[in-house]
Amino acid sequence: KTHEQVVRGTLAELHTWATSGDVLGEVTVVLAGAEARE
């Protein structure tokens, strides 16, 4: 759409972005797969 926006980063960075203003429109979230643990 006209106001397409993709915000990438860590979950902490994305939370800061989401609380800095109103989130508008249809939202789809992609979460990275977990890294293998030893």
Full PDB file with SEQRES, HELIX, SHEET, SSBOND, CRYST1, ORIGX, SCALE, CONECT and MASTER records, all heavy atoms in Angstrom:
SEQRES   1 A   38  LYS THR HIS GLU GLN VAL VAL ARG GLY THR LEU ALA GLU          
SEQRES   2 A   38  LEU HIS THR TRP ALA THR SER GLY ASP VAL LEU GLY GLU          
SEQRES   3 A   38  VAL THR VAL VAL LEU ALA GLY ALA GLU ALA ARG GLU              
HELIX    1 AA1 LEU A   11  THR A   19  1                                   9    
CRYST1    1.000    1.000    1.000  90.00  90.00  90.00 P 1           1          
ORIGX1      1.000000  0.000000  0.000000        0.00000                         
ORIGX2      0.000000  1.000000  0.000000        0.00000                         
ORIGX3      0.000000  0.000000  1.000000        0.00000                         
SCALE1      1.000000  0.000000  0.000000        0.00000                         
SCALE2      0.000000  1.000000  0.000000        0.00000                         
SCALE3      0.000000  0.000000  1.000000        0.00000                         
ATOM      1  N   LYS A   1       0.837  -1.197   0.000  1.00  0.00           N  
ATOM      2  CA  LYS A   1       0.000   0.000   0.000  1.00  0.00           C  
ATOM      3  C   LYS A   1       0.879   1.258   0.000  1.00  0.00           C  
ATOM      4  O   LYS A   1       2.103   1.191   0.093  1.00  0.00           O  
ATOM      5  CB  LYS A   1      -0.946  -0.011   1.201  1.00  0.00           C  
ATOM      6  CG  LYS A   1      -1.885  -1.209   1.202  1.00  0.00           C  
ATOM      7  CD  LYS A   1      -2.739  -1.258   2.452  1.00  0.00           C  
ATOM      8  CE  LYS A   1      -3.601  -2.518   2.475  1.00  0.00           C  
ATOM      9  NZ  LYS A   1      -4.381  -2.655   3.713  1.00  0.00           N  
ATOM     10  N   THR A   2       0.248   2.398  -0.064  1.00  0.00           N  
ATOM     11  CA  THR A   2       0.977   3.659  -0.166  1.00  0.00           C  
ATOM     12  C   THR A   2       1.937   3.864   0.992  1.00  0.00           C  
ATOM     13  O   THR A   2       3.059   4.356   0.813  1.00  0.00           O  
ATOM     14  CB  THR A   2      -0.017   4.837  -0.227  1.00  0.00           C  
ATOM     15  OG1 THR A   2      -0.896   4.646  -1.343  1.00  0.00           O  
ATOM     16  CG2 THR A   2       0.724   6.156  -0.372  1.00  0.00           C  
ATOM     17  N   HIS A   3       1.520   3.488   2.190  1.00  0.00           N  
ATOM     18  CA  HIS A   3       2.344   3.723   3.381  1.00  0.00           C  
ATOM     19  C   HIS A   3       3.015   2.449   3.868  1.00  0.00           C  
ATOM     20  O   HIS A   3       3.193   2.247   5.073  1.00  0.00           O  
ATOM     21  CB  HIS A   3       1.479   4.332   4.487  1.00  0.00           C  
ATOM     22  CG  HIS A   3       0.845   5.642   4.105  1.00  0.00           C  
ATOM     23  ND1 HIS A   3       1.583   6.795   3.921  1.00  0.00           N  
ATOM     24  CD2 HIS A   3      -0.449   5.972   3.849  1.00  0.00           C  
ATOM     25  CE1 HIS A   3       0.765   7.791   3.576  1.00  0.00           C  
ATOM     26  NE2 HIS A   3      -0.471   7.318   3.519  1.00  0.00           N  
ATOM     27  N   GLU A   4       3.419   1.592   2.934  1.00  0.00           N  
ATOM     28  CA  GLU A   4       4.125   0.364   3.306  1.00  0.00           C  
ATOM     29  C   GLU A   4       5.361   0.695   4.144  1.00  0.00           C  
ATOM     30  O   GLU A   4       6.101   1.638   3.851  1.00  0.00           O  
ATOM     31  CB  GLU A   4       4.540  -0.401   2.054  1.00  0.00           C  
ATOM     32  CG  GLU A   4       5.371  -1.640   2.344  1.00  0.00           C  
ATOM     33  CD  GLU A   4       5.755  -2.388   1.082  1.00  0.00           C  
ATOM     34  OE1 GLU A   4       4.893  -3.089   0.529  1.00  0.00           O  
ATOM     35  OE2 GLU A   4       6.918  -2.238   0.641  1.00  0.00           O  
ATOM     36  N   GLN A   5       5.569  -0.113   5.185  1.00  0.00           N  
ATOM     37  CA  GLN A   5       6.724   0.090   6.066  1.00  0.00           C  
ATOM     38  C   GLN A   5       7.194  -1.255   6.589  1.00  0.00           C  
ATOM     39  O   GLN A   5       6.384  -2.074   7.039  1.00  0.00           O  
ATOM     40  CB  GLN A   5       6.348   1.015   7.235  1.00  0.00           C  
ATOM     41  CG  GLN A   5       7.504   1.324   8.167  1.00  0.00           C  
ATOM     42  CD  GLN A   5       7.082   2.224   9.327  1.00  0.00           C  
ATOM     43  OE1 GLN A   5       5.901   2.275   9.687  1.00  0.00           O  
ATOM     44  NE2 GLN A   5       8.027   2.937   9.901  1.00  0.00           N  
ATOM     45  N   VAL A   6       8.489  -1.491   6.539  1.00  0.00           N  
ATOM     46  CA  VAL A   6       9.085  -2.697   7.112  1.00  0.00           C  
ATOM     47  C   VAL A   6      10.150  -2.249   8.113  1.00  0.00           C  
ATOM     48  O   VAL A   6      11.112  -1.570   7.739  1.00  0.00           O  
ATOM     49  CB  VAL A   6       9.710  -3.607   6.039  1.00  0.00           C  
ATOM     50  CG1 VAL A   6      10.321  -4.853   6.688  1.00  0.00           C  
ATOM     51  CG2 VAL A   6       8.665  -4.008   5.002  1.00  0.00           C  
ATOM     52  N   VAL A   7       9.953  -2.601   9.367  1.00  0.00           N  
ATOM     53  CA  VAL A   7      10.893  -2.230  10.424  1.00  0.00           C  
ATOM     54  C   VAL A   7      11.610  -3.498  10.875  1.00  0.00           C  
ATOM     55  O   VAL A   7      10.973  -4.455  11.317  1.00  0.00           O  
ATOM     56  CB  VAL A   7      10.175  -1.570  11.620  1.00  0.00           C  
ATOM     57  CG1 VAL A   7      11.187  -1.056  12.633  1.00  0.00           C  
ATOM     58  CG2 VAL A   7       9.273  -0.442  11.144  1.00  0.00           C  
ATOM     59  N   ARG A   8      12.923  -3.512  10.758  1.00  0.00           N  
ATOM     60  CA  ARG A   8      13.724  -4.681  11.078  1.00  0.00           C  
ATOM     61  C   ARG A   8      14.628  -4.380  12.263  1.00  0.00           C  
ATOM     62  O   ARG A   8      15.117  -3.260  12.407  1.00  0.00           O  
ATOM     63  CB  ARG A   8      14.578  -5.110   9.880  1.00  0.00           C  
ATOM     64  CG  ARG A   8      13.792  -5.294   8.584  1.00  0.00           C  
ATOM     65  CD  ARG A   8      14.719  -5.526   7.401  1.00  0.00           C  
ATOM     66  NE  ARG A   8      13.986  -5.623   6.133  1.00  0.00           N  
ATOM     67  CZ  ARG A   8      13.677  -4.595   5.364  1.00  0.00           C  
ATOM     68  NH1 ARG A   8      14.034  -3.369   5.741  1.00  0.00           N  
ATOM     69  NH2 ARG A   8      13.004  -4.767   4.245  1.00  0.00           N  
ATOM     70  N   GLY A   9      14.887  -5.390  13.080  1.00  0.00           N  
ATOM     71  CA  GLY A   9      15.791  -5.192  14.212  1.00  0.00           C  
ATOM     72  C   GLY A   9      15.592  -6.252  15.258  1.00  0.00           C  
ATOM     73  O   GLY A   9      14.963  -7.286  15.031  1.00  0.00           O  
ATOM     74  N   THR A  10      16.136  -6.009  16.443  1.00  0.00           N  
ATOM     75  CA  THR A  10      15.922  -6.918  17.567  1.00  0.00           C  
ATOM     76  C   THR A  10      14.521  -6.682  18.143  1.00  0.00           C  
ATOM     77  O   THR A  10      13.898  -5.634  17.882  1.00  0.00           O  
ATOM     78  CB  THR A  10      16.963  -6.699  18.667  1.00  0.00           C  
ATOM     79  OG1 THR A  10      16.768  -5.377  19.215  1.00  0.00           O  
ATOM     80  CG2 THR A  10      18.381  -6.814  18.114  1.00  0.00           C  
ATOM     81  N   LEU A  11      14.066  -7.620  18.928  1.00  0.00           N  
ATOM     82  CA  LEU A  11      12.749  -7.437  19.553  1.00  0.00           C  
ATOM     83  C   LEU A  11      12.725  -6.191  20.437  1.00  0.00           C  
ATOM     84  O   LEU A  11      11.714  -5.484  20.481  1.00  0.00           O  
ATOM     85  CB  LEU A  11      12.390  -8.675  20.372  1.00  0.00           C  
ATOM     86  CG  LEU A  11      11.987  -9.915  19.574  1.00  0.00           C  
ATOM     87  CD1 LEU A  11      11.801 -11.113  20.497  1.00  0.00           C  
ATOM     88  CD2 LEU A  11      10.704  -9.654  18.782  1.00  0.00           C  
ATOM     89  N   ALA A  12      13.830  -5.918  21.126  1.00  0.00           N  
ATOM     90  CA  ALA A  12      13.888  -4.713  21.964  1.00  0.00           C  
ATOM     91  C   ALA A  12      13.770  -3.455  21.107  1.00  0.00           C  
ATOM     92  O   ALA A  12      13.048  -2.507  21.459  1.00  0.00           O  
ATOM     93  CB  ALA A  12      15.184  -4.698  22.771  1.00  0.00           C  
ATOM     94  N   GLU A  13      14.469  -3.426  19.980  1.00  0.00           N  
ATOM     95  CA  GLU A  13      14.398  -2.261  19.091  1.00  0.00           C  
ATOM     96  C   GLU A  13      13.003  -2.100  18.501  1.00  0.00           C  
ATOM     97  O   GLU A  13      12.492  -0.969  18.386  1.00  0.00           O  
ATOM     98  CB  GLU A  13      15.434  -2.415  17.979  1.00  0.00           C  
ATOM     99  CG  GLU A  13      16.871  -2.299  18.465  1.00  0.00           C  
ATOM    100  CD  GLU A  13      17.882  -2.725  17.421  1.00  0.00           C  
ATOM    101  OE1 GLU A  13      17.493  -3.437  16.455  1.00  0.00           O  
ATOM    102  OE2 GLU A  13      19.073  -2.367  17.571  1.00  0.00           O  
ATOM    103  N   LEU A  14      12.383  -3.194  18.138  1.00  0.00           N  
ATOM    104  CA  LEU A  14      11.037  -3.123  17.565  1.00  0.00           C  
ATOM    105  C   LEU A  14      10.025  -2.674  18.610  1.00  0.00           C  
ATOM    106  O   LEU A  14       9.088  -1.931  18.293  1.00  0.00           O  
ATOM    107  CB  LEU A  14      10.640  -4.477  16.986  1.00  0.00           C  
ATOM    108  CG  LEU A  14      11.463  -4.926  15.771  1.00  0.00           C  
ATOM    109  CD1 LEU A  14      11.046  -6.321  15.332  1.00  0.00           C  
ATOM    110  CD2 LEU A  14      11.309  -3.951  14.612  1.00  0.00           C  
ATOM    111  N   HIS A  15      10.203  -3.109  19.852  1.00  0.00           N  
ATOM    112  CA  HIS A  15       9.286  -2.660  20.911  1.00  0.00           C  
ATOM    113  C   HIS A  15       9.419  -1.156  21.132  1.00  0.00           C  
ATOM    114  O   HIS A  15       8.419  -0.446  21.295  1.00  0.00           O  
ATOM    115  CB  HIS A  15       9.565  -3.415  22.211  1.00  0.00           C  
ATOM    116  CG  HIS A  15       8.718  -2.955  23.349  1.00  0.00           C  
ATOM    117  ND1 HIS A  15       9.212  -2.270  24.429  1.00  0.00           N  
ATOM    118  CD2 HIS A  15       7.362  -3.052  23.542  1.00  0.00           C  
ATOM    119  CE1 HIS A  15       8.224  -1.976  25.254  1.00  0.00           C  
ATOM    120  NE2 HIS A  15       7.095  -2.432  24.746  1.00  0.00           N  
ATOM    121  N   THR A  16      10.658  -0.662  21.114  1.00  0.00           N  
ATOM    122  CA  THR A  16      10.870   0.789  21.253  1.00  0.00           C  
ATOM    123  C   THR A  16      10.186   1.540  20.118  1.00  0.00           C  
ATOM    124  O   THR A  16       9.542   2.574  20.328  1.00  0.00           O  
ATOM    125  CB  THR A  16      12.377   1.106  21.262  1.00  0.00           C  
ATOM    126  OG1 THR A  16      12.986   0.451  22.381  1.00  0.00           O  
ATOM    127  CG2 THR A  16      12.612   2.604  21.358  1.00  0.00           C  
ATOM    128  N   TRP A  17      10.333   1.023  18.903  1.00  0.00           N  
ATOM    129  CA  TRP A  17       9.665   1.657  17.753  1.00  0.00           C  
ATOM    130  C   TRP A  17       8.147   1.661  17.928  1.00  0.00           C  
ATOM    131  O   TRP A  17       7.484   2.681  17.683  1.00  0.00           O  
ATOM    132  CB  TRP A  17      10.042   0.917  16.476  1.00  0.00           C  
ATOM    133  CG  TRP A  17       9.140   1.245  15.318  1.00  0.00           C  
ATOM    134  CD1 TRP A  17       9.188   2.351  14.524  1.00  0.00           C  
ATOM    135  CD2 TRP A  17       8.021   0.468  14.868  1.00  0.00           C  
ATOM    136  NE1 TRP A  17       8.176   2.312  13.594  1.00  0.00           N  
ATOM    137  CE2 TRP A  17       7.441   1.164  13.780  1.00  0.00           C  
ATOM    138  CE3 TRP A  17       7.466  -0.738  15.265  1.00  0.00           C  
ATOM    139  CZ2 TRP A  17       6.325   0.682  13.102  1.00  0.00           C  
ATOM    140  CZ3 TRP A  17       6.354  -1.231  14.583  1.00  0.00           C  
ATOM    141  CH2 TRP A  17       5.792  -0.528  13.510  1.00  0.00           C  
ATOM    142  N   ALA A  18       7.576   0.538  18.353  1.00  0.00           N  
ATOM    143  CA  ALA A  18       6.122   0.415  18.447  1.00  0.00           C  
ATOM    144  C   ALA A  18       5.537   1.305  19.534  1.00  0.00           C  
ATOM    145  O   ALA A  18       4.370   1.709  19.439  1.00  0.00           O  
ATOM    146  CB  ALA A  18       5.734  -1.045  18.703  1.00  0.00           C  
ATOM    147  N   THR A  19       6.323   1.612  20.558  1.00  0.00           N  
ATOM    148  CA  THR A  19       5.819   2.455  21.646  1.00  0.00           C  
ATOM    149  C   THR A  19       6.113   3.931  21.430  1.00  0.00           C  
ATOM    150  O   THR A  19       5.672   4.776  22.211  1.00  0.00           O  
ATOM    151  CB  THR A  19       6.427   2.009  22.994  1.00  0.00           C  
ATOM    152  OG1 THR A  19       7.867   2.004  22.891  1.00  0.00           O  
ATOM    153  CG2 THR A  19       5.948   0.623  23.371  1.00  0.00           C  
ATOM    154  N   SER A  20       6.848   4.251  20.364  1.00  0.00           N  
ATOM    155  CA  SER A  20       7.194   5.657  20.110  1.00  0.00           C  
ATOM    156  C   SER A  20       6.099   6.400  19.363  1.00  0.00           C  
ATOM    157  O   SER A  20       6.158   7.619  19.213  1.00  0.00           O  
ATOM    158  CB  SER A  20       8.506   5.736  19.322  1.00  0.00           C  
ATOM    159  OG  SER A  20       8.346   5.149  18.036  1.00  0.00           O  
ATOM    160  N   GLY A  21       5.099   5.688  18.876  1.00  0.00           N  
ATOM    161  CA  GLY A  21       3.986   6.313  18.151  1.00  0.00           C  
ATOM    162  C   GLY A  21       2.928   5.280  17.853  1.00  0.00           C  
ATOM    163  O   GLY A  21       3.088   4.090  18.166  1.00  0.00           O  
ATOM    164  N   ASP A  22       1.841   5.706  17.256  1.00  0.00           N  
ATOM    165  CA  ASP A  22       0.752   4.783  16.930  1.00  0.00           C  
ATOM    166  C   ASP A  22       1.146   3.868  15.780  1.00  0.00           C  
ATOM    167  O   ASP A  22       1.706   4.310  14.774  1.00  0.00           O  
ATOM    168  CB  ASP A  22      -0.510   5.558  16.547  1.00  0.00           C  
ATOM    169  CG  ASP A  22      -1.101   6.313  17.729  1.00  0.00           C  
ATOM    170  OD1 ASP A  22      -0.861   5.895  18.871  1.00  0.00           O  
ATOM    171  OD2 ASP A  22      -1.789   7.329  17.495  1.00  0.00           O  
ATOM    172  N   VAL A  23       0.855   2.576  15.954  1.00  0.00           N  
ATOM    173  CA  VAL A  23       1.032   1.604  14.875  1.00  0.00           C  
ATOM    174  C   VAL A  23      -0.291   1.509  14.130  1.00  0.00           C  
ATOM    175  O   VAL A  23      -1.324   1.215  14.739  1.00  0.00           O  
ATOM    176  CB  VAL A  23       1.446   0.223  15.425  1.00  0.00           C  
ATOM    177  CG1 VAL A  23       1.588  -0.780  14.290  1.00  0.00           C  
ATOM    178  CG2 VAL A  23       2.747   0.332  16.210  1.00  0.00           C  
ATOM    179  N   LEU A  24      -0.275   1.753  12.833  1.00  0.00           N  
ATOM    180  CA  LEU A  24      -1.508   1.798  12.051  1.00  0.00           C  
ATOM    181  C   LEU A  24      -1.458   0.779  10.928  1.00  0.00           C  
ATOM    182  O   LEU A  24      -0.390   0.415  10.437  1.00  0.00           O  
ATOM    183  CB  LEU A  24      -1.716   3.202  11.476  1.00  0.00           C  
ATOM    184  CG  LEU A  24      -1.763   4.357  12.478  1.00  0.00           C  
ATOM    185  CD1 LEU A  24      -1.822   5.695  11.740  1.00  0.00           C  
ATOM    186  CD2 LEU A  24      -2.943   4.201  13.425  1.00  0.00           C  
ATOM    187  N   GLY A  25      -2.637   0.333  10.493  1.00  0.00           N  
ATOM    188  CA  GLY A  25      -2.743  -0.516   9.318  1.00  0.00           C  
ATOM    189  C   GLY A  25      -2.610  -2.000   9.611  1.00  0.00           C  
ATOM    190  O   GLY A  25      -2.535  -2.429  10.766  1.00  0.00           O  
ATOM    191  N   GLU A  26      -2.579  -2.787   8.541  1.00  0.00           N  
ATOM    192  CA  GLU A  26      -2.444  -4.235   8.644  1.00  0.00           C  
ATOM    193  C   GLU A  26      -1.006  -4.584   9.027  1.00  0.00           C  
ATOM    194  O   GLU A  26      -0.061  -4.092   8.413  1.00  0.00           O  
ATOM    195  CB  GLU A  26      -2.793  -4.896   7.310  1.00  0.00           C  
ATOM    196  CG  GLU A  26      -4.184  -4.543   6.781  1.00  0.00           C  
ATOM    197  CD  GLU A  26      -5.273  -5.333   7.474  1.00  0.00           C  
ATOM    198  OE1 GLU A  26      -4.943  -6.369   8.102  1.00  0.00           O  
ATOM    199  OE2 GLU A  26      -6.441  -4.924   7.386  1.00  0.00           O  
ATOM    200  N   VAL A  27      -0.850  -5.456  10.022  1.00  0.00           N  
ATOM    201  CA  VAL A  27       0.481  -5.782  10.543  1.00  0.00           C  
ATOM    202  C   VAL A  27       0.769  -7.272  10.399  1.00  0.00           C  
ATOM    203  O   VAL A  27      -0.052  -8.111  10.781  1.00  0.00           O  
ATOM    204  CB  VAL A  27       0.608  -5.369  12.026  1.00  0.00           C  
ATOM    205  CG1 VAL A  27       1.930  -5.867  12.613  1.00  0.00           C  
ATOM    206  CG2 VAL A  27       0.496  -3.854  12.172  1.00  0.00           C  
ATOM    207  N   THR A  28       1.939  -7.579   9.845  1.00  0.00           N  
ATOM    208  CA  THR A  28       2.440  -8.947   9.783  1.00  0.00           C  
ATOM    209  C   THR A  28       3.824  -8.959  10.409  1.00  0.00           C  
ATOM    210  O   THR A  28       4.664  -8.116  10.069  1.00  0.00           O  
ATOM    211  CB  THR A  28       2.530  -9.450   8.332  1.00  0.00           C  
ATOM    212  OG1 THR A  28       1.258  -9.307   7.692  1.00  0.00           O  
ATOM    213  CG2 THR A  28       2.948 -10.912   8.288  1.00  0.00           C  
ATOM    214  N   VAL A  29       4.052  -9.887  11.328  1.00  0.00           N  
ATOM    215  CA  VAL A  29       5.325  -9.965  12.045  1.00  0.00           C  
ATOM    216  C   VAL A  29       6.063 -11.231  11.614  1.00  0.00           C  
ATOM    217  O   VAL A  29       5.460 -12.296  11.487  1.00  0.00           O  
ATOM    218  CB  VAL A  29       5.114  -9.983  13.573  1.00  0.00           C  
ATOM    219  CG1 VAL A  29       6.452 -10.073  14.306  1.00  0.00           C  
ATOM    220  CG2 VAL A  29       4.351  -8.742  14.022  1.00  0.00           C  
ATOM    221  N   VAL A  30       7.367 -11.088  11.385  1.00  0.00           N  
ATOM    222  CA  VAL A  30       8.225 -12.239  11.097  1.00  0.00           C  
ATOM    223  C   VAL A  30       9.255 -12.340  12.214  1.00  0.00           C  
ATOM    224  O   VAL A  30       9.981 -11.382  12.487  1.00  0.00           O  
ATOM    225  CB  VAL A  30       8.936 -12.094   9.740  1.00  0.00           C  
ATOM    226  CG1 VAL A  30       9.755 -13.362   9.446  1.00  0.00           C  
ATOM    227  CG2 VAL A  30       7.930 -11.845   8.620  1.00  0.00           C  
ATOM    228  N   LEU A  31       9.304 -13.484  12.853  1.00  0.00           N  
ATOM    229  CA  LEU A  31      10.231 -13.737  13.956  1.00  0.00           C  
ATOM    230  C   LEU A  31      11.322 -14.678  13.473  1.00  0.00           C  
ATOM    231  O   LEU A  31      11.029 -15.741  12.898  1.00  0.00           O  
ATOM    232  CB  LEU A  31       9.475 -14.368  15.129  1.00  0.00           C  
ATOM    233  CG  LEU A  31      10.291 -14.761  16.363  1.00  0.00           C  
ATOM    234  CD1 LEU A  31      10.826 -13.522  17.061  1.00  0.00           C  
ATOM    235  CD2 LEU A  31       9.424 -15.583  17.316  1.00  0.00           C  
ATOM    236  N   ALA A  32      12.562 -14.306  13.692  1.00  0.00           N  
ATOM    237  CA  ALA A  32      13.669 -15.159  13.262  1.00  0.00           C  
ATOM    238  C   ALA A  32      13.649 -16.477  14.017  1.00  0.00           C  
ATOM    239  O   ALA A  32      13.248 -16.546  15.187  1.00  0.00           O  
ATOM    240  CB  ALA A  32      14.998 -14.449  13.496  1.00  0.00           C  
ATOM    241  N   GLY A  33      14.091 -17.524  13.360  1.00  0.00           N  
ATOM    242  CA  GLY A  33      14.211 -18.813  14.027  1.00  0.00           C  
ATOM    243  C   GLY A  33      15.249 -18.757  15.134  1.00  0.00           C  
ATOM    244  O   GLY A  33      16.205 -17.971  15.086  1.00  0.00           O  
ATOM    245  N   ALA A  34      15.066 -19.594  16.142  1.00  0.00           N  
ATOM    246  CA  ALA A  34      16.004 -19.625  17.264  1.00  0.00           C  
ATOM    247  C   ALA A  34      17.335 -20.228  16.824  1.00  0.00           C  
ATOM    248  O   ALA A  34      17.380 -21.137  15.995  1.00  0.00           O  
ATOM    249  CB  ALA A  34      15.414 -20.432  18.413  1.00  0.00           C  
ATOM    250  N   GLU A  35      18.409 -19.714  17.371  1.00  0.00           N  
ATOM    251  CA  GLU A  35      19.713 -20.295  17.103  1.00  0.00           C  
ATOM    252  C   GLU A  35      19.862 -21.590  17.886  1.00  0.00           C  
ATOM    253  O   GLU A  35      19.310 -21.741  18.981  1.00  0.00           O  
ATOM    254  CB  GLU A  35      20.821 -19.312  17.492  1.00  0.00           C  
ATOM    255  CG  GLU A  35      20.822 -18.034  16.659  1.00  0.00           C  
ATOM    256  CD  GLU A  35      21.959 -17.113  17.034  1.00  0.00           C  
ATOM    257  OE1 GLU A  35      22.759 -17.510  17.922  1.00  0.00           O  
ATOM    258  OE2 GLU A  35      22.055 -16.026  16.459  1.00  0.00           O  
ATOM    259  N   ALA A  36      20.610 -22.510  17.310  1.00  0.00           N  
ATOM    260  CA  ALA A  36      20.820 -23.796  17.986  1.00  0.00           C  
ATOM    261  C   ALA A  36      21.566 -23.580  19.294  1.00  0.00           C  
ATOM    262  O   ALA A  36      22.552 -22.841  19.353  1.00  0.00           O  
ATOM    263  CB  ALA A  36      21.613 -24.743  17.086  1.00  0.00           C  
ATOM    264  N   ARG A  37      21.055 -24.220  20.336  1.00  0.00           N  
ATOM    265  CA  ARG A  37      21.706 -24.117  21.636  1.00  0.00           C  
ATOM    266  C   ARG A  37      22.654 -25.302  21.831  1.00  0.00           C  
ATOM    267  O   ARG A  37      22.335 -26.428  21.462  1.00  0.00           O  
ATOM    268  CB  ARG A  37      20.680 -24.119  22.767  1.00  0.00           C  
ATOM    269  CG  ARG A  37      19.791 -22.897  22.803  1.00  0.00           C  
ATOM    270  CD  ARG A  37      18.941 -22.903  24.037  1.00  0.00           C  
ATOM    271  NE  ARG A  37      18.101 -24.103  24.122  1.00  0.00           N  
ATOM    272  CZ  ARG A  37      17.440 -24.469  25.218  1.00  0.00           C  
ATOM    273  NH1 ARG A  37      17.548 -23.770  26.315  1.00  0.00           N  
ATOM    274  NH2 ARG A  37      16.681 -25.550  25.207  1.00  0.00           N  
ATOM    275  N   GLU A  38      23.789 -25.026  22.454  1.00  0.00           N  
ATOM    276  CA  GLU A  38      24.712 -26.114  22.766  1.00  0.00           C  
ATOM    277  C   GLU A  38      24.185 -26.870  23.970  1.00  0.00           C  
ATOM    278  O   GLU A  38      23.872 -26.277  25.008  1.00  0.00           O  
ATOM    279  CB  GLU A  38      26.105 -25.557  23.052  1.00  0.00           C  
ATOM    280  CG  GLU A  38      27.160 -26.625  23.275  1.00  0.00           C  
ATOM    281  CD  GLU A  38      28.540 -26.042  23.452  1.00  0.00           C  
ATOM    282  OE1 GLU A  38      28.707 -24.843  23.164  1.00  0.00           O  
ATOM    283  OE2 GLU A  38      29.440 -26.779  23.881  1.00  0.00           O  
TER     284      GLU A  38                                                      
MASTER        0    0    0    1    0    0    0    6  283    1    0    3          
END                                                                             
